[in-house]
């Protein structure tokens, strides 16, 4: 049975949520993007999934989403609110959950070869885009 280090788990979740919030501030608009910026969030999701167990990864992303919904300016361009979750960019935010789960389930604790890892990251990015569209 694996012994869990609660302090390490909590620290990992908090750092991951904060990292997700910080990467969401790296954004730029595209002319055909209909007001939805391209951000560093998707990259952060892939990193979180790669380095955390699926449970901790989901908790970190849920904390990020809940924080944004209750008013913390963690979403892209320092925005927040429930309207972001149910608005144009809400699908992307919801898509973070299955994407981080897939990366974590397929990659965490495994040292797959580069091709399998790249396929997993591309597939998970596709999940985010599918939910976003």
C-alpha atoms as a PDB file:
ATOM      1  CA  UNK A   1       0.000   0.000   0.000  1.00  0.00           C
ATOM      2  CA  UNK A   2       1.284   3.450  -0.899  1.00  0.00           C
ATOM      3  CA  UNK A   3       1.880   5.845   1.955  1.00  0.00           C
ATOM      4  CA  UNK A   4       0.508   9.299   1.188  1.00  0.00           C
ATOM      5  CA  UNK A   5       2.216  12.458   2.250  1.00  0.00           C
ATOM      6  CA  UNK A   6      -0.713  14.810   2.836  1.00  0.00           C
ATOM      7  CA  UNK A   7       1.406  17.962   3.002  1.00  0.00           C
ATOM      8  CA  UNK A   8       3.094  17.073  -0.295  1.00  0.00           C
ATOM      9  CA  UNK A   9      -0.300  16.394  -1.908  1.00  0.00           C
ATOM     10  CA  UNK A  10      -1.803  19.678  -0.683  1.00  0.00           C
ATOM     11  CA  UNK A  11       1.285  21.602  -1.793  1.00  0.00           C
ATOM     12  CA  UNK A  12       1.172  19.959  -5.225  1.00  0.00           C
ATOM     13  CA  UNK A  13      -2.503  20.830  -5.663  1.00  0.00           C
ATOM     14  CA  UNK A  14      -2.054  24.445  -4.549  1.00  0.00           C
ATOM     15  CA  UNK A  15       1.001  25.002  -6.761  1.00  0.00           C
ATOM     16  CA  UNK A  16      -0.785  23.405  -9.710  1.00  0.00           C
ATOM     17  CA  UNK A  17      -3.888  25.571  -9.249  1.00  0.00           C
ATOM     18  CA  UNK A  18      -1.752  28.701  -8.950  1.00  0.00           C
ATOM     19  CA  UNK A  19       0.298  27.698 -11.989  1.00  0.00           C
ATOM     20  CA  UNK A  20      -2.905  27.224 -13.955  1.00  0.00           C
ATOM     21  CA  UNK A  21      -4.092  30.672 -12.871  1.00  0.00           C
ATOM     22  CA  UNK A  22      -0.761  32.227 -13.874  1.00  0.00           C
ATOM     23  CA  UNK A  23      -0.636  30.552 -17.283  1.00  0.00           C
ATOM     24  CA  UNK A  24      -4.158  31.751 -17.992  1.00  0.00           C
ATOM     25  CA  UNK A  25      -2.765  35.286 -17.932  1.00  0.00           C
ATOM     26  CA  UNK A  26      -0.501  34.467 -20.876  1.00  0.00           C
ATOM     27  CA  UNK A  27      -3.020  35.184 -23.586  1.00  0.00           C
ATOM     28  CA  UNK A  28      -3.446  36.756 -26.965  1.00  0.00           C
ATOM     29  CA  UNK A  29      -6.422  37.293 -29.192  1.00  0.00           C
ATOM     30  CA  UNK A  30      -6.678  35.874 -32.655  1.00  0.00           C
ATOM     31  CA  UNK A  31      -8.636  37.704 -35.361  1.00  0.00           C
ATOM     32  CA  UNK A  32     -11.057  34.826 -35.964  1.00  0.00           C
ATOM     33  CA  UNK A  33     -11.283  33.730 -32.334  1.00  0.00           C
ATOM     34  CA  UNK A  34     -14.727  35.232 -31.614  1.00  0.00           C
ATOM     35  CA  UNK A  35     -13.453  36.858 -28.406  1.00  0.00           C
ATOM     36  CA  UNK A  36     -11.895  33.709 -26.954  1.00  0.00           C
ATOM     37  CA  UNK A  37      -8.160  34.250 -26.365  1.00  0.00           C
ATOM     38  CA  UNK A  38      -5.475  31.632 -26.804  1.00  0.00           C
ATOM     39  CA  UNK A  39      -3.868  31.074 -23.404  1.00  0.00           C
ATOM     40  CA  UNK A  40      -1.227  29.005 -21.673  1.00  0.00           C
ATOM     41  CA  UNK A  41      -3.894  27.092 -19.749  1.00  0.00           C
ATOM     42  CA  UNK A  42      -3.956  24.075 -22.047  1.00  0.00           C
ATOM     43  CA  UNK A  43      -0.212  23.635 -21.633  1.00  0.00           C
ATOM     44  CA  UNK A  44      -0.596  23.857 -17.854  1.00  0.00           C
ATOM     45  CA  UNK A  45      -3.342  21.219 -17.945  1.00  0.00           C
ATOM     46  CA  UNK A  46      -1.010  18.835 -19.761  1.00  0.00           C
ATOM     47  CA  UNK A  47       1.799  19.476 -17.279  1.00  0.00           C
ATOM     48  CA  UNK A  48      -0.498  19.024 -14.264  1.00  0.00           C
ATOM     49  CA  UNK A  49      -1.822  15.756 -15.659  1.00  0.00           C
ATOM     50  CA  UNK A  50       1.660  14.506 -16.370  1.00  0.00           C
ATOM     51  CA  UNK A  51       3.028  15.160 -12.889  1.00  0.00           C
ATOM     52  CA  UNK A  52       0.043  14.520 -10.588  1.00  0.00           C
ATOM     53  CA  UNK A  53      -2.131  11.501  -9.938  1.00  0.00           C
ATOM     54  CA  UNK A  54      -5.543  11.743 -11.557  1.00  0.00           C
ATOM     55  CA  UNK A  55      -7.226  12.530  -8.235  1.00  0.00           C
ATOM     56  CA  UNK A  56      -4.854  15.359  -7.339  1.00  0.00           C
ATOM     57  CA  UNK A  57      -4.928  16.697 -10.903  1.00  0.00           C
ATOM     58  CA  UNK A  58      -8.736  16.832 -10.903  1.00  0.00           C
ATOM     59  CA  UNK A  59      -8.755  18.521  -7.489  1.00  0.00           C
ATOM     60  CA  UNK A  60      -6.249  21.147  -8.677  1.00  0.00           C
ATOM     61  CA  UNK A  61      -8.332  21.952 -11.770  1.00  0.00           C
ATOM     62  CA  UNK A  62     -11.583  21.999  -9.790  1.00  0.00           C
ATOM     63  CA  UNK A  63     -10.078  24.433  -7.281  1.00  0.00           C
ATOM     64  CA  UNK A  64      -9.014  26.662 -10.181  1.00  0.00           C
ATOM     65  CA  UNK A  65     -12.481  26.571 -11.775  1.00  0.00           C
ATOM     66  CA  UNK A  66     -14.333  27.084  -8.496  1.00  0.00           C
ATOM     67  CA  UNK A  67     -12.003  29.948  -7.603  1.00  0.00           C
ATOM     68  CA  UNK A  68     -12.792  31.652 -10.889  1.00  0.00           C
ATOM     69  CA  UNK A  69     -16.524  31.099 -10.539  1.00  0.00           C
ATOM     70  CA  UNK A  70     -16.616  32.625  -7.042  1.00  0.00           C
ATOM     71  CA  UNK A  71     -14.820  35.730  -8.223  1.00  0.00           C
ATOM     72  CA  UNK A  72     -11.068  35.222  -8.033  1.00  0.00           C
ATOM     73  CA  UNK A  73      -9.508  36.745 -11.172  1.00  0.00           C
ATOM     74  CA  UNK A  74      -7.896  33.504 -12.328  1.00  0.00           C
ATOM     75  CA  UNK A  75      -9.440  33.027 -15.750  1.00  0.00           C
ATOM     76  CA  UNK A  76      -7.918  34.476 -18.927  1.00  0.00           C
ATOM     77  CA  UNK A  77      -7.204  38.197 -18.822  1.00  0.00           C
ATOM     78  CA  UNK A  78      -7.759  38.258 -15.032  1.00  0.00           C
ATOM     79  CA  UNK A  79     -11.475  37.602 -15.426  1.00  0.00           C
ATOM     80  CA  UNK A  80     -13.823  35.602 -13.241  1.00  0.00           C
ATOM     81  CA  UNK A  81     -17.449  34.764 -12.667  1.00  0.00           C
ATOM     82  CA  UNK A  82     -20.051  32.158 -13.468  1.00  0.00           C
ATOM     83  CA  UNK A  83     -20.679  33.840 -16.834  1.00  0.00           C
ATOM     84  CA  UNK A  84     -17.216  32.644 -17.954  1.00  0.00           C
ATOM     85  CA  UNK A  85     -18.151  29.061 -17.149  1.00  0.00           C
ATOM     86  CA  UNK A  86     -21.465  29.180 -18.985  1.00  0.00           C
ATOM     87  CA  UNK A  87     -20.322  31.601 -21.691  1.00  0.00           C
ATOM     88  CA  UNK A  88     -18.196  31.201 -24.825  1.00  0.00           C
ATOM     89  CA  UNK A  89     -15.094  29.961 -23.051  1.00  0.00           C
ATOM     90  CA  UNK A  90     -16.930  27.676 -20.628  1.00  0.00           C
ATOM     91  CA  UNK A  91     -16.536  24.611 -22.796  1.00  0.00           C
ATOM     92  CA  UNK A  92     -12.773  24.968 -22.683  1.00  0.00           C
ATOM     93  CA  UNK A  93     -12.845  25.265 -18.892  1.00  0.00           C
ATOM     94  CA  UNK A  94     -15.044  22.168 -18.568  1.00  0.00           C
ATOM     95  CA  UNK A  95     -12.836  20.328 -21.090  1.00  0.00           C
ATOM     96  CA  UNK A  96      -9.870  20.800 -18.768  1.00  0.00           C
ATOM     97  CA  UNK A  97     -11.315  18.153 -16.431  1.00  0.00           C
ATOM     98  CA  UNK A  98     -11.467  15.177 -18.824  1.00  0.00           C
ATOM     99  CA  UNK A  99      -8.213  16.278 -20.477  1.00  0.00           C
ATOM    100  CA  UNK A 100      -6.237  16.381 -17.216  1.00  0.00           C
ATOM    101  CA  UNK A 101      -7.786  13.048 -16.236  1.00  0.00           C
ATOM    102  CA  UNK A 102      -6.710  11.395 -19.500  1.00  0.00           C
ATOM    103  CA  UNK A 103      -3.141  12.707 -19.338  1.00  0.00           C
ATOM    104  CA  UNK A 104      -2.791  11.703 -15.708  1.00  0.00           C
ATOM    105  CA  UNK A 105      -4.343   8.277 -16.157  1.00  0.00           C
ATOM    106  CA  UNK A 106      -2.169   7.442 -19.180  1.00  0.00           C
ATOM    107  CA  UNK A 107       1.085   9.135 -18.166  1.00  0.00           C
ATOM    108  CA  UNK A 108       1.419   9.613 -14.384  1.00  0.00           C
ATOM    109  CA  UNK A 109       3.947   7.243 -12.873  1.00  0.00           C
ATOM    110  CA  UNK A 110       4.757   5.712 -16.247  1.00  0.00           C
ATOM    111  CA  UNK A 111       7.731   6.516 -18.324  1.00  0.00           C
ATOM    112  CA  UNK A 112       6.229   5.941 -21.738  1.00  0.00           C
ATOM    113  CA  UNK A 113       8.271   6.491 -24.803  1.00  0.00           C
ATOM    114  CA  UNK A 114       8.136   9.868 -26.486  1.00  0.00           C
ATOM    115  CA  UNK A 115       5.670   8.808 -29.184  1.00  0.00           C
ATOM    116  CA  UNK A 116       3.080   7.533 -26.679  1.00  0.00           C
ATOM    117  CA  UNK A 117       3.493  10.644 -24.544  1.00  0.00           C
ATOM    118  CA  UNK A 118       3.053  12.937 -27.559  1.00  0.00           C
ATOM    119  CA  UNK A 119      -0.021  10.995 -28.675  1.00  0.00           C
ATOM    120  CA  UNK A 120      -1.518  11.350 -25.204  1.00  0.00           C
ATOM    121  CA  UNK A 121      -0.824  15.097 -25.100  1.00  0.00           C
ATOM    122  CA  UNK A 122      -2.280  15.617 -28.590  1.00  0.00           C
ATOM    123  CA  UNK A 123      -5.355  13.545 -27.747  1.00  0.00           C
ATOM    124  CA  UNK A 124      -5.911  15.508 -24.537  1.00  0.00           C
ATOM    125  CA  UNK A 125      -5.525  18.812 -26.364  1.00  0.00           C
ATOM    126  CA  UNK A 126      -8.170  17.521 -28.768  1.00  0.00           C
ATOM    127  CA  UNK A 127     -10.468  16.892 -25.808  1.00  0.00           C
ATOM    128  CA  UNK A 128     -10.084  20.503 -24.685  1.00  0.00           C
ATOM    129  CA  UNK A 129     -10.812  21.753 -28.201  1.00  0.00           C
ATOM    130  CA  UNK A 130     -13.792  19.419 -28.608  1.00  0.00           C
ATOM    131  CA  UNK A 131     -15.396  20.714 -25.417  1.00  0.00           C
ATOM    132  CA  UNK A 132     -14.505  24.278 -26.354  1.00  0.00           C
ATOM    133  CA  UNK A 133     -16.117  24.142 -29.750  1.00  0.00           C
END
